[in-house]
């Protein structure tokens, strides 16, 4: 299990705490510090498409209209903190956010 997020993200910390309490030991990939590998980026984009970009983030609000029109892959390559977090890969399945359905799937 791998969790892509930010160490400073409250939702990512909440998800990590719950996963660990349930007996999981996810590998944490800090998208700002560690980046996202090309294969993982492609898998995230294949699964979530433009929905991989968090359009409610501070980073998004700071972008120009021109930048906002760029493809999700370009935006995330330039600004990895735009990733809607957390993204969790478990057993080849990709999950986004820490919503009740994601919690139920991963925590049982």
PDB file of N, CA and C in Angstrom:
ATOM      1  N   UNK A   1       0.849  -1.174   0.000  1.00  0.00           N
ATOM      2  CA  UNK A   1       0.000   0.000   0.000  1.00  0.00           C
ATOM      3  C   UNK A   1       0.895   1.239   0.000  1.00  0.00           C
ATOM      4  N   UNK A   2       0.513   2.192  -0.851  1.00  0.00           N
ATOM      5  CA  UNK A   2       1.256   3.453  -0.937  1.00  0.00           C
ATOM      6  C   UNK A   2       0.281   4.618  -0.826  1.00  0.00           C
ATOM      7  N   UNK A   3       0.695   5.653  -0.109  1.00  0.00           N
ATOM      8  CA  UNK A   3      -0.116   6.850   0.054  1.00  0.00           C
ATOM      9  C   UNK A   3       0.654   8.028  -0.522  1.00  0.00           C
ATOM     10  N   UNK A   4       0.081   8.665  -1.533  1.00  0.00           N
ATOM     11  CA  UNK A   4       0.668   9.854  -2.141  1.00  0.00           C
ATOM     12  C   UNK A   4      -0.023  11.062  -1.527  1.00  0.00           C
ATOM     13  N   UNK A   5       0.752  11.967  -0.949  1.00  0.00           N
ATOM     14  CA  UNK A   5       0.156  13.133  -0.328  1.00  0.00           C
ATOM     15  C   UNK A   5       1.211  14.128   0.086  1.00  0.00           C
ATOM     16  N   UNK A   6       0.862  14.928   1.076  1.00  0.00           N
ATOM     17  CA  UNK A   6       1.783  15.911   1.644  1.00  0.00           C
ATOM     18  C   UNK A   6       1.849  15.703   3.147  1.00  0.00           C
ATOM     19  N   UNK A   7       3.024  15.843   3.709  1.00  0.00           N
ATOM     20  CA  UNK A   7       3.171  15.700   5.159  1.00  0.00           C
ATOM     21  C   UNK A   7       2.387  16.764   5.904  1.00  0.00           C
ATOM     22  N   UNK A   8       2.174  17.916   5.269  1.00  0.00           N
ATOM     23  CA  UNK A   8       1.465  19.016   5.914  1.00  0.00           C
ATOM     24  C   UNK A   8      -0.045  18.982   5.687  1.00  0.00           C
ATOM     25  N   UNK A   9      -0.543  17.996   4.965  1.00  0.00           N
ATOM     26  CA  UNK A   9      -1.979  17.901   4.635  1.00  0.00           C
ATOM     27  C   UNK A   9      -2.734  17.187   5.758  1.00  0.00           C
ATOM     28  N   UNK A  10      -3.705  17.873   6.346  1.00  0.00           N
ATOM     29  CA  UNK A  10      -4.481  17.284   7.443  1.00  0.00           C
ATOM     30  C   UNK A  10      -5.210  16.017   7.017  1.00  0.00           C
ATOM     31  N   UNK A  11      -5.784  16.016   5.819  1.00  0.00           N
ATOM     32  CA  UNK A  11      -6.518  14.843   5.350  1.00  0.00           C
ATOM     33  C   UNK A  11      -5.581  13.662   5.155  1.00  0.00           C
ATOM     34  N   UNK A  12      -4.392  13.925   4.638  1.00  0.00           N
ATOM     35  CA  UNK A  12      -3.402  12.854   4.461  1.00  0.00           C
ATOM     36  C   UNK A  12      -2.976  12.281   5.806  1.00  0.00           C
ATOM     37  N   UNK A  13      -2.770  13.146   6.790  1.00  0.00           N
ATOM     38  CA  UNK A  13      -2.384  12.676   8.121  1.00  0.00           C
ATOM     39  C   UNK A  13      -3.510  11.860   8.752  1.00  0.00           C
ATOM     40  N   UNK A  14      -4.744  12.287   8.563  1.00  0.00           N
ATOM     41  CA  UNK A  14      -5.896  11.560   9.100  1.00  0.00           C
ATOM     42  C   UNK A  14      -5.983  10.168   8.459  1.00  0.00           C
ATOM     43  N   UNK A  15      -5.816  10.115   7.144  1.00  0.00           N
ATOM     44  CA  UNK A  15      -5.866   8.832   6.434  1.00  0.00           C
ATOM     45  C   UNK A  15      -4.735   7.916   6.908  1.00  0.00           C
ATOM     46  N   UNK A  16      -3.542   8.457   7.024  1.00  0.00           N
ATOM     47  CA  UNK A  16      -2.386   7.664   7.456  1.00  0.00           C
ATOM     48  C   UNK A  16      -2.596   7.105   8.857  1.00  0.00           C
ATOM     49  N   UNK A  17      -3.106   7.931   9.741  1.00  0.00           N
ATOM     50  CA  UNK A  17      -3.359   7.495  11.117  1.00  0.00           C
ATOM     51  C   UNK A  17      -4.380   6.350  11.144  1.00  0.00           C
ATOM     52  N   UNK A  18      -5.449   6.486  10.378  1.00  0.00           N
ATOM     53  CA  UNK A  18      -6.486   5.448  10.341  1.00  0.00           C
ATOM     54  C   UNK A  18      -5.957   4.159   9.722  1.00  0.00           C
ATOM     55  N   UNK A  19      -5.180   4.276   8.658  1.00  0.00           N
ATOM     56  CA  UNK A  19      -4.616   3.086   8.020  1.00  0.00           C
ATOM     57  C   UNK A  19      -3.674   2.350   8.966  1.00  0.00           C
ATOM     58  N   UNK A  20      -2.839   3.101   9.657  1.00  0.00           N
ATOM     59  CA  UNK A  20      -1.910   2.473  10.610  1.00  0.00           C
ATOM     60  C   UNK A  20      -2.658   1.837  11.775  1.00  0.00           C
ATOM     61  N   UNK A  21      -3.717   2.499  12.259  1.00  0.00           N
ATOM     62  CA  UNK A  21      -4.518   1.950  13.359  1.00  0.00           C
ATOM     63  C   UNK A  21      -5.194   0.643  12.939  1.00  0.00           C
ATOM     64  N   UNK A  22      -5.471   0.499  11.640  1.00  0.00           N
ATOM     65  CA  UNK A  22      -6.103  -0.711  11.118  1.00  0.00           C
ATOM     66  C   UNK A  22      -5.080  -1.798  10.786  1.00  0.00           C
ATOM     67  N   UNK A  23      -3.806  -1.535  11.079  1.00  0.00           N
ATOM     68  CA  UNK A  23      -2.781  -2.556  10.872  1.00  0.00           C
ATOM     69  C   UNK A  23      -2.030  -2.462   9.563  1.00  0.00           C
ATOM     70  N   UNK A  24      -2.297  -1.443   8.778  1.00  0.00           N
ATOM     71  CA  UNK A  24      -1.563  -1.255   7.516  1.00  0.00           C
ATOM     72  C   UNK A  24      -0.296  -0.454   7.794  1.00  0.00           C
ATOM     73  N   UNK A  25       0.688  -0.622   6.945  1.00  0.00           N
ATOM     74  CA  UNK A  25       1.917   0.145   7.054  1.00  0.00           C
ATOM     75  C   UNK A  25       2.231   0.727   5.673  1.00  0.00           C
ATOM     76  N   UNK A  26       1.470   1.756   5.279  1.00  0.00           N
ATOM     77  CA  UNK A  26       1.651   2.286   3.926  1.00  0.00           C
ATOM     78  C   UNK A  26       2.982   3.009   3.744  1.00  0.00           C
ATOM     79  N   UNK A  27       3.519   2.873   2.547  1.00  0.00           N
ATOM     80  CA  UNK A  27       4.675   3.669   2.157  1.00  0.00           C
ATOM     81  C   UNK A  27       4.139   5.063   1.844  1.00  0.00           C
ATOM     82  N   UNK A  28       4.720   6.086   2.446  1.00  0.00           N
ATOM     83  CA  UNK A  28       4.246   7.455   2.235  1.00  0.00           C
ATOM     84  C   UNK A  28       5.149   8.145   1.220  1.00  0.00           C
ATOM     85  N   UNK A  29       4.531   8.655   0.159  1.00  0.00           N
ATOM     86  CA  UNK A  29       5.248   9.404  -0.856  1.00  0.00           C
ATOM     87  C   UNK A  29       4.790  10.849  -0.755  1.00  0.00           C
ATOM     88  N   UNK A  30       5.674  11.716  -0.292  1.00  0.00           N
ATOM     89  CA  UNK A  30       5.370  13.138  -0.199  1.00  0.00           C
ATOM     90  C   UNK A  30       5.578  13.720  -1.596  1.00  0.00           C
ATOM     91  N   UNK A  31       4.505  14.156  -2.225  1.00  0.00           N
ATOM     92  CA  UNK A  31       4.595  14.583  -3.627  1.00  0.00           C
ATOM     93  C   UNK A  31       5.462  15.824  -3.799  1.00  0.00           C
ATOM     94  N   UNK A  32       5.585  16.632  -2.758  1.00  0.00           N
ATOM     95  CA  UNK A  32       6.439  17.821  -2.850  1.00  0.00           C
ATOM     96  C   UNK A  32       7.912  17.417  -2.714  1.00  0.00           C
ATOM     97  N   UNK A  33       8.227  16.611  -1.744  1.00  0.00           N
ATOM     98  CA  UNK A  33       9.615  16.239  -1.468  1.00  0.00           C
ATOM     99  C   UNK A  33      10.117  15.107  -2.371  1.00  0.00           C
ATOM    100  N   UNK A  34       9.263  14.103  -2.598  1.00  0.00           N
ATOM    101  CA  UNK A  34       9.687  12.907  -3.332  1.00  0.00           C
ATOM    102  C   UNK A  34       9.296  12.926  -4.804  1.00  0.00           C
ATOM    103  N   UNK A  35       8.264  13.695  -5.148  1.00  0.00           N
ATOM    104  CA  UNK A  35       7.756  13.691  -6.513  1.00  0.00           C
ATOM    105  C   UNK A  35       6.918  12.445  -6.785  1.00  0.00           C
ATOM    106  N   UNK A  36       6.420  12.365  -7.992  1.00  0.00           N
ATOM    107  CA  UNK A  36       5.616  11.221  -8.432  1.00  0.00           C
ATOM    108  C   UNK A  36       6.311  10.640  -9.654  1.00  0.00           C
ATOM    109  N   UNK A  37       6.638   9.358  -9.586  1.00  0.00           N
ATOM    110  CA  UNK A  37       7.294   8.700 -10.715  1.00  0.00           C
ATOM    111  C   UNK A  37       6.408   8.694 -11.949  1.00  0.00           C
ATOM    112  N   UNK A  38       7.024   8.614 -13.146  1.00  0.00           N
ATOM    113  CA  UNK A  38       6.251   8.652 -14.389  1.00  0.00           C
ATOM    114  C   UNK A  38       5.190   7.559 -14.490  1.00  0.00           C
ATOM    115  N   UNK A  39       5.512   6.337 -14.079  1.00  0.00           N
ATOM    116  CA  UNK A  39       4.530   5.244 -14.173  1.00  0.00           C
ATOM    117  C   UNK A  39       3.357   5.498 -13.222  1.00  0.00           C
ATOM    118  N   UNK A  40       3.667   5.969 -12.010  1.00  0.00           N
ATOM    119  CA  UNK A  40       2.599   6.272 -11.058  1.00  0.00           C
ATOM    120  C   UNK A  40       1.757   7.442 -11.535  1.00  0.00           C
ATOM    121  N   UNK A  41       2.400   8.463 -12.086  1.00  0.00           N
ATOM    122  CA  UNK A  41       1.660   9.606 -12.610  1.00  0.00           C
ATOM    123  C   UNK A  41       0.706   9.162 -13.700  1.00  0.00           C
ATOM    124  N   UNK A  42       1.178   8.299 -14.592  1.00  0.00           N
ATOM    125  CA  UNK A  42       0.314   7.820 -15.674  1.00  0.00           C
ATOM    126  C   UNK A  42      -0.850   7.013 -15.122  1.00  0.00           C
ATOM    127  N   UNK A  43      -0.590   6.178 -14.127  1.00  0.00           N
ATOM    128  CA  UNK A  43      -1.662   5.380 -13.522  1.00  0.00           C
ATOM    129  C   UNK A  43      -2.698   6.282 -12.852  1.00  0.00           C
ATOM    130  N   UNK A  44      -2.239   7.323 -12.176  1.00  0.00           N
ATOM    131  CA  UNK A  44      -3.156   8.265 -11.527  1.00  0.00           C
ATOM    132  C   UNK A  44      -3.999   8.982 -12.570  1.00  0.00           C
ATOM    133  N   UNK A  45      -3.365   9.444 -13.642  1.00  0.00           N
ATOM    134  CA  UNK A  45      -4.105  10.144 -14.697  1.00  0.00           C
ATOM    135  C   UNK A  45      -5.056   9.204 -15.426  1.00  0.00           C
ATOM    136  N   UNK A  46      -4.637   7.950 -15.650  1.00  0.00           N
ATOM    137  CA  UNK A  46      -5.525   6.974 -16.293  1.00  0.00           C
ATOM    138  C   UNK A  46      -6.768   6.735 -15.438  1.00  0.00           C
ATOM    139  N   UNK A  47      -6.580   6.677 -14.139  1.00  0.00           N
ATOM    140  CA  UNK A  47      -7.694   6.371 -13.235  1.00  0.00           C
ATOM    141  C   UNK A  47      -8.588   7.579 -12.967  1.00  0.00           C
ATOM    142  N   UNK A  48      -8.002   8.765 -12.750  1.00  0.00           N
ATOM    143  CA  UNK A  48      -8.775   9.926 -12.309  1.00  0.00           C
ATOM    144  C   UNK A  48      -8.881  11.044 -13.339  1.00  0.00           C
ATOM    145  N   UNK A  49      -8.060  10.999 -14.389  1.00  0.00           N
ATOM    146  CA  UNK A  49      -8.118  12.027 -15.431  1.00  0.00           C
ATOM    147  C   UNK A  49      -7.923  13.422 -14.861  1.00  0.00           C
ATOM    148  N   UNK A  50      -8.705  14.378 -15.363  1.00  0.00           N
ATOM    149  CA  UNK A  50      -8.609  15.759 -14.890  1.00  0.00           C
ATOM    150  C   UNK A  50      -9.004  15.879 -13.425  1.00  0.00           C
ATOM    151  N   UNK A  51      -9.730  14.890 -12.901  1.00  0.00           N
ATOM    152  CA  UNK A  51     -10.125  14.881 -11.498  1.00  0.00           C
ATOM    153  C   UNK A  51      -8.951  14.712 -10.548  1.00  0.00           C
ATOM    154  N   UNK A  52      -7.769  14.418 -11.084  1.00  0.00           N
ATOM    155  CA  UNK A  52      -6.574  14.297 -10.245  1.00  0.00           C
ATOM    156  C   UNK A  52      -6.087  15.662  -9.773  1.00  0.00           C
ATOM    157  N   UNK A  53      -6.580  16.730 -10.418  1.00  0.00           N
ATOM    158  CA  UNK A  53      -6.154  18.092 -10.074  1.00  0.00           C
ATOM    159  C   UNK A  53      -7.147  18.698  -9.092  1.00  0.00           C
ATOM    160  N   UNK A  54      -6.628  19.203  -7.990  1.00  0.00           N
ATOM    161  CA  UNK A  54      -7.451  19.838  -6.965  1.00  0.00           C
ATOM    162  C   UNK A  54      -7.673  21.299  -7.348  1.00  0.00           C
ATOM    163  N   UNK A  55      -8.862  21.585  -7.870  1.00  0.00           N
ATOM    164  CA  UNK A  55      -9.171  22.941  -8.327  1.00  0.00           C
ATOM    165  C   UNK A  55      -9.652  23.844  -7.195  1.00  0.00           C
ATOM    166  N   UNK A  56      -9.607  23.346  -5.963  1.00  0.00           N
ATOM    167  CA  UNK A  56      -9.972  24.175  -4.812  1.00  0.00           C
ATOM    168  C   UNK A  56      -8.761  24.541  -3.953  1.00  0.00           C
ATOM    169  N   UNK A  57      -7.572  24.211  -4.449  1.00  0.00           N
ATOM    170  CA  UNK A  57      -6.361  24.430  -3.647  1.00  0.00           C
ATOM    171  C   UNK A  57      -5.839  25.859  -3.787  1.00  0.00           C
ATOM    172  N   UNK A  58      -5.008  26.220  -2.842  1.00  0.00           N
ATOM    173  CA  UNK A  58      -4.339  27.522  -2.880  1.00  0.00           C
ATOM    174  C   UNK A  58      -3.461  27.626  -4.121  1.00  0.00           C
ATOM    175  N   UNK A  59      -2.790  26.541  -4.456  1.00  0.00           N
ATOM    176  CA  UNK A  59      -1.929  26.537  -5.648  1.00  0.00           C
ATOM    177  C   UNK A  59      -2.748  26.830  -6.893  1.00  0.00           C
ATOM    178  N   UNK A  60      -3.907  26.191  -7.022  1.00  0.00           N
ATOM    179  CA  UNK A  60      -4.781  26.402  -8.181  1.00  0.00           C
ATOM    180  C   UNK A  60      -5.210  27.869  -8.265  1.00  0.00           C
ATOM    181  N   UNK A  61      -5.604  28.439  -7.142  1.00  0.00           N
ATOM    182  CA  UNK A  61      -6.067  29.826  -7.145  1.00  0.00           C
ATOM    183  C   UNK A  61      -4.961  30.791  -7.553  1.00  0.00           C
ATOM    184  N   UNK A  62      -3.711  30.391  -7.357  1.00  0.00           N
ATOM    185  CA  UNK A  62      -2.587  31.233  -7.733  1.00  0.00           C
ATOM    186  C   UNK A  62      -2.181  31.121  -9.194  1.00  0.00           C
ATOM    187  N   UNK A  63      -2.776  30.182  -9.924  1.00  0.00           N
ATOM    188  CA  UNK A  63      -2.434  30.001 -11.338  1.00  0.00           C
ATOM    189  C   UNK A  63      -3.159  31.018 -12.216  1.00  0.00           C
ATOM    190  N   UNK A  64      -2.520  31.357 -13.321  1.00  0.00           N
ATOM    191  CA  UNK A  64      -3.168  32.231 -14.301  1.00  0.00           C
ATOM    192  C   UNK A  64      -4.234  31.434 -15.060  1.00  0.00           C
ATOM    193  N   UNK A  65      -5.126  32.135 -15.717  1.00  0.00           N
ATOM    194  CA  UNK A  65      -6.158  31.463 -16.533  1.00  0.00           C
ATOM    195  C   UNK A  65      -5.500  30.601 -17.608  1.00  0.00           C
ATOM    196  N   UNK A  66      -4.407  31.096 -18.162  1.00  0.00           N
ATOM    197  CA  UNK A  66      -3.693  30.348 -19.193  1.00  0.00           C
ATOM    198  C   UNK A  66      -3.160  29.037 -18.633  1.00  0.00           C
ATOM    199  N   UNK A  67      -2.546  29.097 -17.445  1.00  0.00           N
ATOM    200  CA  UNK A  67      -2.017  27.886 -16.825  1.00  0.00           C
ATOM    201  C   UNK A  67      -3.125  26.897 -16.490  1.00  0.00           C
ATOM    202  N   UNK A  68      -4.280  27.390 -16.076  1.00  0.00           N
ATOM    203  CA  UNK A  68      -5.393  26.510 -15.714  1.00  0.00           C
ATOM    204  C   UNK A  68      -5.908  25.704 -16.899  1.00  0.00           C
ATOM    205  N   UNK A  69      -5.611  26.141 -18.099  1.00  0.00           N
ATOM    206  CA  UNK A  69      -6.067  25.446 -19.303  1.00  0.00           C
ATOM    207  C   UNK A  69      -5.125  24.325 -19.722  1.00  0.00           C
ATOM    208  N   UNK A  70      -3.975  24.240 -19.081  1.00  0.00           N
ATOM    209  CA  UNK A  70      -3.003  23.212 -19.435  1.00  0.00           C
ATOM    210  C   UNK A  70      -3.523  21.827 -19.057  1.00  0.00           C
ATOM    211  N   UNK A  71      -3.061  20.778 -19.747  1.00  0.00           N
ATOM    212  CA  UNK A  71      -3.479  19.405 -19.417  1.00  0.00           C
ATOM    213  C   UNK A  71      -3.063  19.031 -17.990  1.00  0.00           C
ATOM    214  N   UNK A  72      -3.836  18.150 -17.379  1.00  0.00           N
ATOM    215  CA  UNK A  72      -3.580  17.714 -16.009  1.00  0.00           C
ATOM    216  C   UNK A  72      -2.155  17.185 -15.840  1.00  0.00           C
ATOM    217  N   UNK A  73      -1.665  16.434 -16.812  1.00  0.00           N
ATOM    218  CA  UNK A  73      -0.311  15.875 -16.719  1.00  0.00           C
ATOM    219  C   UNK A  73       0.731  16.985 -16.614  1.00  0.00           C
ATOM    220  N   UNK A  74       0.580  18.038 -17.401  1.00  0.00           N
ATOM    221  CA  UNK A  74       1.525  19.154 -17.355  1.00  0.00           C
ATOM    222  C   UNK A  74       1.428  19.888 -16.021  1.00  0.00           C
ATOM    223  N   UNK A  75       0.201  20.131 -15.570  1.00  0.00           N
ATOM    224  CA  UNK A  75       0.006  20.839 -14.306  1.00  0.00           C
ATOM    225  C   UNK A  75       0.635  20.081 -13.138  1.00  0.00           C
ATOM    226  N   UNK A  76       0.385  18.772 -13.077  1.00  0.00           N
ATOM    227  CA  UNK A  76       0.909  17.976 -11.971  1.00  0.00           C
ATOM    228  C   UNK A  76       2.432  17.806 -12.046  1.00  0.00           C
ATOM    229  N   UNK A  77       2.976  17.792 -13.257  1.00  0.00           N
ATOM    230  CA  UNK A  77       4.433  17.706 -13.406  1.00  0.00           C
ATOM    231  C   UNK A  77       5.088  18.988 -12.895  1.00  0.00           C
ATOM    232  N   UNK A  78       4.449  20.118 -13.148  1.00  0.00           N
ATOM    233  CA  UNK A  78       4.992  21.411 -12.735  1.00  0.00           C
ATOM    234  C   UNK A  78       4.663  21.729 -11.281  1.00  0.00           C
ATOM    235  N   UNK A  79       3.445  21.377 -10.864  1.00  0.00           N
ATOM    236  CA  UNK A  79       2.954  21.702  -9.519  1.00  0.00           C
ATOM    237  C   UNK A  79       2.390  20.434  -8.863  1.00  0.00           C
ATOM    238  N   UNK A  80       3.242  19.550  -8.340  1.00  0.00           N
ATOM    239  CA  UNK A  80       2.738  18.286  -7.774  1.00  0.00           C
ATOM    240  C   UNK A  80       1.776  18.493  -6.600  1.00  0.00           C
ATOM    241  N   UNK A  81       1.818  19.652  -5.949  1.00  0.00           N
ATOM    242  CA  UNK A  81       0.900  19.895  -4.842  1.00  0.00           C
ATOM    243  C   UNK A  81      -0.529  20.105  -5.318  1.00  0.00           C
ATOM    244  N   UNK A  82      -0.745  20.186  -6.626  1.00  0.00           N
ATOM    245  CA  UNK A  82      -2.101  20.273  -7.171  1.00  0.00           C
ATOM    246  C   UNK A  82      -2.828  18.930  -7.137  1.00  0.00           C
ATOM    247  N   UNK A  83      -2.115  17.855  -6.806  1.00  0.00           N
ATOM    248  CA  UNK A  83      -2.740  16.534  -6.739  1.00  0.00           C
ATOM    249  C   UNK A  83      -3.837  16.537  -5.682  1.00  0.00           C
ATOM    250  N   UNK A  84      -5.011  16.082  -6.062  1.00  0.00           N
ATOM    251  CA  UNK A  84      -6.097  15.932  -5.090  1.00  0.00           C
ATOM    252  C   UNK A  84      -5.712  14.770  -4.187  1.00  0.00           C
ATOM    253  N   UNK A  85      -5.617  15.045  -2.878  1.00  0.00           N
ATOM    254  CA  UNK A  85      -5.016  14.105  -1.944  1.00  0.00           C
ATOM    255  C   UNK A  85      -6.009  13.585  -0.918  1.00  0.00           C
ATOM    256  N   UNK A  86      -5.592  12.478  -0.303  1.00  0.00           N
ATOM    257  CA  UNK A  86      -4.505  11.580  -0.680  1.00  0.00           C
ATOM    258  C   UNK A  86      -4.911  10.684  -1.847  1.00  0.00           C
ATOM    259  N   UNK A  87      -3.919  10.178  -2.535  1.00  0.00           N
ATOM    260  CA  UNK A  87      -4.131   9.122  -3.523  1.00  0.00           C
ATOM    261  C   UNK A  87      -3.484   7.884  -2.920  1.00  0.00           C
ATOM    262  N   UNK A  88      -4.252   6.809  -2.843  1.00  0.00           N
ATOM    263  CA  UNK A  88      -3.772   5.587  -2.209  1.00  0.00           C
ATOM    264  C   UNK A  88      -3.838   4.443  -3.219  1.00  0.00           C
ATOM    265  N   UNK A  89      -2.715   3.761  -3.370  1.00  0.00           N
ATOM    266  CA  UNK A  89      -2.656   2.578  -4.228  1.00  0.00           C
ATOM    267  C   UNK A  89      -2.550   1.373  -3.314  1.00  0.00           C
ATOM    268  N   UNK A  90      -3.470   0.449  -3.496  1.00  0.00           N
ATOM    269  CA  UNK A  90      -3.474  -0.759  -2.679  1.00  0.00           C
ATOM    270  C   UNK A  90      -3.853  -1.942  -3.553  1.00  0.00           C
ATOM    271  N   UNK A  91      -2.932  -2.864  -3.699  1.00  0.00           N
ATOM    272  CA  UNK A  91      -3.210  -4.064  -4.484  1.00  0.00           C
ATOM    273  C   UNK A  91      -3.584  -3.774  -5.928  1.00  0.00           C
ATOM    274  N   UNK A  92      -2.979  -2.738  -6.503  1.00  0.00           N
ATOM    275  CA  UNK A  92      -3.264  -2.389  -7.888  1.00  0.00           C
ATOM    276  C   UNK A  92      -4.496  -1.524  -8.074  1.00  0.00           C
ATOM    277  N   UNK A  93      -5.219  -1.269  -7.005  1.00  0.00           N
ATOM    278  CA  UNK A  93      -6.404  -0.401  -7.056  1.00  0.00           C
ATOM    279  C   UNK A  93      -6.020   0.994  -6.587  1.00  0.00           C
ATOM    280  N   UNK A  94      -6.560   2.006  -7.259  1.00  0.00           N
ATOM    281  CA  UNK A  94      -6.252   3.394  -6.924  1.00  0.00           C
ATOM    282  C   UNK A  94      -7.477   4.051  -6.306  1.00  0.00           C
ATOM    283  N   UNK A  95      -7.242   4.798  -5.233  1.00  0.00           N
ATOM    284  CA  UNK A  95      -8.309   5.498  -4.509  1.00  0.00           C
ATOM    285  C   UNK A  95      -7.880   6.946  -4.323  1.00  0.00           C
ATOM    286  N   UNK A  96      -8.865   7.844  -4.344  1.00  0.00           N
ATOM    287  CA  UNK A  96      -8.557   9.268  -4.204  1.00  0.00           C
ATOM    288  C   UNK A  96      -9.410   9.875  -3.107  1.00  0.00           C
ATOM    289  N   UNK A  97      -8.780  10.681  -2.267  1.00  0.00           N
ATOM    290  CA  UNK A  97      -9.483  11.332  -1.171  1.00  0.00           C
ATOM    291  C   UNK A  97      -9.600  10.399   0.024  1.00  0.00           C
ATOM    292  N   UNK A  98     -10.176  10.907   1.092  1.00  0.00           N
ATOM    293  CA  UNK A  98     -10.404  10.098   2.285  1.00  0.00           C
ATOM    294  C   UNK A  98     -11.872  10.230   2.642  1.00  0.00           C
ATOM    295  N   UNK A  99     -12.694   9.674   1.767  1.00  0.00           N
ATOM    296  CA  UNK A  99     -14.142   9.705   1.921  1.00  0.00           C
ATOM    297  C   UNK A  99     -14.611   8.405   2.563  1.00  0.00           C
ATOM    298  N   UNK A 100     -15.857   8.376   2.985  1.00  0.00           N
ATOM    299  CA  UNK A 100     -16.397   7.168   3.606  1.00  0.00           C
ATOM    300  C   UNK A 100     -16.245   5.934   2.715  1.00  0.00           C
ATOM    301  N   UNK A 101     -16.571   6.013   1.401  1.00  0.00           N
ATOM    302  CA  UNK A 101     -16.382   4.811   0.567  1.00  0.00           C
ATOM    303  C   UNK A 101     -14.926   4.338   0.504  1.00  0.00           C
ATOM    304  N   UNK A 102     -13.982   5.283   0.462  1.00  0.00           N
ATOM    305  CA  UNK A 102     -12.570   4.893   0.450  1.00  0.00           C
ATOM    306  C   UNK A 102     -12.189   4.254   1.780  1.00  0.00           C
ATOM    307  N   UNK A 103     -12.646   4.860   2.878  1.00  0.00           N
ATOM    308  CA  UNK A 103     -12.375   4.292   4.198  1.00  0.00           C
ATOM    309  C   UNK A 103     -12.930   2.868   4.308  1.00  0.00           C
ATOM    310  N   UNK A 104     -14.174   2.676   3.882  1.00  0.00           N
ATOM    311  CA  UNK A 104     -14.797   1.349   3.973  1.00  0.00           C
ATOM    312  C   UNK A 104     -14.059   0.321   3.148  1.00  0.00           C
ATOM    313  N   UNK A 105     -13.591   0.734   1.977  1.00  0.00           N
ATOM    314  CA  UNK A 105     -12.853  -0.182   1.098  1.00  0.00           C
ATOM    315  C   UNK A 105     -11.521  -0.590   1.708  1.00  0.00           C
ATOM    316  N   UNK A 106     -10.807   0.392   2.250  1.00  0.00           N
ATOM    317  CA  UNK A 106      -9.445   0.122   2.721  1.00  0.00           C
ATOM    318  C   UNK A 106      -9.376  -0.352   4.180  1.00  0.00           C
ATOM    319  N   UNK A 107     -10.371   0.009   4.972  1.00  0.00           N
ATOM    320  CA  UNK A 107     -10.344  -0.374   6.381  1.00  0.00           C
ATOM    321  C   UNK A 107     -11.239  -1.568   6.693  1.00  0.00           C
ATOM    322  N   UNK A 108     -12.136  -1.887   5.745  1.00  0.00           N
ATOM    323  CA  UNK A 108     -13.010  -3.038   5.940  1.00  0.00           C
ATOM    324  C   UNK A 108     -14.261  -2.775   6.705  1.00  0.00           C
TER     325      UNK A 108
END
